Amino acid sequence: MGKVLITLGNDISTDDIYPGRFMATVLPTETPQFAFFDRTEFNALLKSRAFPADSIIVGGENFGCGSSREQACSTLKGYDLTVVAKSIARIFLQNSINLGLKVVICPELAASEGDDLEITADAVRNKTTGKSYAQVQMPAARRGIMDAGGLIPYTRNRLMARR
């Protein structure tokens, strides 16, 4: 179960998540400080790390649209956040899977800042309102990569299992 830190609208771009002016910083250990940099209150909350483990960002439609910069995913993974959105832009979704950022597509989700969400294998339940919403199922291979922490750990685990 996780607490909703922020609810965002539609068309949240990778430039909003990780502004392009910080593209010279690409190391996953350094990118988190710039997450949602222009949303100063939210950025300060993230940098303070004064939020519960397993916290959630709720997005509307087309979350992660725009450029293909993977730093938008690594910056959120650096805080161990989960993104639950009504829809996720194709490249952001693939980058999230490859980097092991937890993402859930839930087209009908209704949630507010501070709500407690429980994510199960097939639904997202808003424990605050008592309502459940079906999530879009990812193919098993994509789920396996995300659950392993990304494409590199997934591949490493598969190779080790063959030995």
Protein backbone atom coordinates (compact mmCIF):
# COMPACT_ATOMS: atom_id res chain seq x y z
CA MET A 1 0.00 0.00 0.00
CA GLY A 2 1.25 3.50 -0.78
CA LYS A 3 0.26 7.08 -0.14
CA VAL A 4 -0.45 9.45 -3.02
CA LEU A 5 2.13 12.26 -2.85
CA ILE A 6 0.74 14.28 -5.72
CA THR A 7 -1.93 14.04 -8.39
CA LEU A 8 -1.06 15.46 -11.77
CA GLY A 9 -3.18 16.15 -14.80
CA ASN A 10 -2.90 15.01 -18.39
CA ASP A 11 0.12 15.32 -20.67
CA ILE A 12 2.82 15.49 -17.99
CA SER A 13 5.95 15.71 -20.12
CA THR A 14 9.40 14.35 -19.50
CA ASP A 15 10.53 17.99 -19.41
CA ASP A 16 8.22 18.54 -16.42
CA ILE A 17 9.54 15.39 -14.73
CA TYR A 18 13.21 16.06 -15.55
CA PRO A 19 13.84 19.49 -17.12
CA GLY A 20 16.05 19.49 -20.19
CA ARG A 21 18.40 22.10 -18.76
CA PHE A 22 19.76 19.38 -16.45
CA MET A 23 20.57 16.92 -19.22
CA ALA A 24 24.30 17.25 -18.51
CA THR A 25 23.55 15.29 -15.33
CA VAL A 26 22.71 11.75 -16.36
CA LEU A 27 23.93 9.51 -13.55
CA PRO A 28 21.00 7.81 -11.80
CA THR A 29 22.60 8.68 -8.46
CA GLU A 30 22.51 12.40 -9.33
CA THR A 31 19.32 12.83 -11.35
CA PRO A 32 16.77 12.54 -8.50
CA GLN A 33 17.58 16.00 -7.16
CA PHE A 34 16.06 17.49 -10.32
CA ALA A 35 12.76 15.56 -10.24
CA PHE A 36 9.89 17.96 -10.91
CA PHE A 37 12.37 20.79 -10.35
CA ASP A 38 9.96 23.51 -11.52
CA ARG A 39 7.28 22.30 -9.10
CA THR A 40 9.31 23.71 -6.24
CA GLU A 41 7.19 22.45 -3.33
CA PHE A 42 7.05 18.92 -4.68
CA ASN A 43 10.76 18.95 -5.54
CA ALA A 44 11.57 20.08 -2.00
CA LEU A 45 9.41 17.28 -0.56
CA LEU A 46 11.22 14.72 -2.69
CA LYS A 47 14.67 16.03 -1.81
CA SER A 48 13.80 16.00 1.90
CA ARG A 49 12.73 12.36 1.57
CA ALA A 50 10.06 13.17 4.16
CA PHE A 51 7.48 10.83 2.65
CA PRO A 52 6.52 7.22 3.29
CA ALA A 53 8.15 4.31 1.49
CA ASP A 54 6.17 3.01 -1.51
CA SER A 55 4.69 6.45 -2.21
CA ILE A 56 2.76 7.05 -5.41
CA ILE A 57 2.52 9.72 -8.09
CA VAL A 58 -0.87 9.74 -9.80
CA GLY A 59 -1.02 10.96 -13.37
CA GLY A 60 -3.76 11.50 -15.88
CA GLU A 61 -3.60 10.58 -19.55
CA ASN A 62 -0.34 10.51 -21.53
CA PHE A 63 2.01 10.59 -18.53
CA GLY A 64 5.64 10.94 -19.64
CA CYS A 65 4.97 12.37 -23.08
CA GLY A 66 7.58 14.32 -24.97
CA SER A 67 11.21 13.44 -25.43
CA SER A 68 12.64 9.98 -24.96
CA ARG A 69 15.00 10.95 -22.13
CA GLU A 70 15.36 8.03 -19.75
CA GLN A 71 16.44 10.40 -16.97
CA ALA A 72 12.74 11.16 -16.44
CA CYS A 73 12.37 7.55 -15.30
CA SER A 74 15.64 7.24 -13.40
CA THR A 75 14.92 10.41 -11.44
CA LEU A 76 11.67 8.88 -10.11
CA LYS A 77 13.19 5.48 -9.53
CA GLY A 78 15.81 7.21 -7.40
CA TYR A 79 13.04 7.93 -4.90
CA ASP A 80 11.52 4.45 -5.23
CA LEU A 81 8.21 5.94 -6.35
CA THR A 82 5.41 4.19 -8.21
CA VAL A 83 3.60 5.95 -11.04
CA VAL A 84 -0.08 5.13 -11.45
CA ALA A 85 -1.58 6.89 -14.46
CA LYS A 86 -4.62 6.64 -16.71
CA SER A 87 -2.27 6.16 -19.65
CA ILE A 88 1.49 6.33 -20.11
CA ALA A 89 3.35 7.55 -23.18
CA ARG A 90 4.91 4.67 -25.12
CA ILE A 91 8.58 5.61 -24.81
CA PHE A 92 8.26 6.57 -21.13
CA LEU A 93 6.59 3.23 -20.48
CA GLN A 94 9.37 1.26 -22.16
CA ASN A 95 12.08 3.30 -20.42
CA SER A 96 10.31 2.70 -17.09
CA ILE A 97 10.24 -1.04 -17.66
CA ASN A 98 13.89 -1.11 -18.77
CA LEU A 99 14.98 0.83 -15.67
CA GLY A 100 12.68 -0.94 -13.23
CA LEU A 101 10.50 2.06 -12.36
CA LYS A 102 7.20 0.71 -11.07
CA VAL A 103 4.37 1.88 -13.32
CA VAL A 104 0.71 0.94 -13.38
CA ILE A 105 -1.83 1.89 -16.03
CA CYS A 106 -5.27 2.38 -14.52
CA PRO A 107 -7.62 4.20 -16.96
CA GLU A 108 -10.50 4.83 -14.54
CA LEU A 109 -8.51 5.71 -11.40
CA ALA A 110 -9.81 8.44 -9.14
CA ALA A 111 -7.45 9.47 -6.35
CA SER A 112 -6.44 12.56 -4.43
CA GLU A 113 -3.28 13.65 -2.68
CA GLY A 114 -3.01 11.80 0.63
CA ASP A 115 -5.16 8.83 -0.42
CA ASP A 116 -3.90 5.34 0.40
CA LEU A 117 -3.76 3.06 -2.65
CA GLU A 118 -3.35 -0.69 -2.66
CA ILE A 119 -2.00 -2.13 -5.90
CA THR A 120 -2.82 -5.77 -6.56
CA ALA A 121 -2.09 -7.94 -9.59
CA ASP A 122 -5.19 -6.75 -11.42
CA ALA A 123 -6.57 -3.66 -9.68
CA VAL A 124 -5.83 -0.49 -7.80
CA ARG A 125 -7.92 -0.05 -4.71
CA ASN A 126 -8.33 3.39 -3.20
CA LYS A 127 -8.47 2.46 0.49
CA THR A 128 -9.51 6.01 1.36
CA THR A 129 -12.65 5.97 -0.80
CA GLY A 130 -13.21 2.21 -0.83
CA LYS A 131 -13.37 2.06 -4.63
CA SER A 132 -11.43 -0.36 -6.87
CA TYR A 133 -10.29 0.23 -10.42
CA ALA A 134 -9.10 -2.32 -12.97
CA GLN A 135 -5.57 -1.90 -14.22
CA VAL A 136 -4.27 -2.64 -17.69
CA GLN A 137 -2.31 -5.87 -17.56
CA MET A 138 1.23 -5.83 -18.89
CA PRO A 139 2.60 -8.83 -20.74
CA ALA A 140 4.42 -11.25 -18.45
CA ALA A 141 7.82 -10.43 -19.95
CA ARG A 142 7.43 -6.71 -19.28
CA ARG A 143 6.16 -7.38 -15.74
CA GLY A 144 9.12 -9.71 -15.13
CA ILE A 145 11.63 -7.07 -16.24
CA MET A 146 10.02 -4.39 -14.05
CA ASP A 147 9.75 -6.72 -11.05
CA ALA A 148 13.44 -7.66 -11.40
CA GLY A 149 14.42 -4.00 -11.13
CA GLY A 150 15.03 -3.40 -14.83
CA LEU A 151 16.41 -5.02 -17.95
CA ILE A 152 19.98 -5.43 -16.66
CA PRO A 153 19.04 -7.22 -13.40
CA TYR A 154 16.45 -9.28 -15.30
CA THR A 155 19.03 -10.42 -17.85
CA ARG A 156 21.62 -11.08 -15.15
CA ASN A 157 19.12 -13.24 -13.21
CA ARG A 158 18.22 -15.22 -16.33
CA LEU A 159 21.86 -15.84 -17.19
CA MET A 160 22.67 -16.92 -13.63
CA ALA A 161 19.69 -19.30 -13.65
CA ARG A 162 21.09 -21.01 -16.77
CA ARG A 163 24.41 -21.75 -15.10
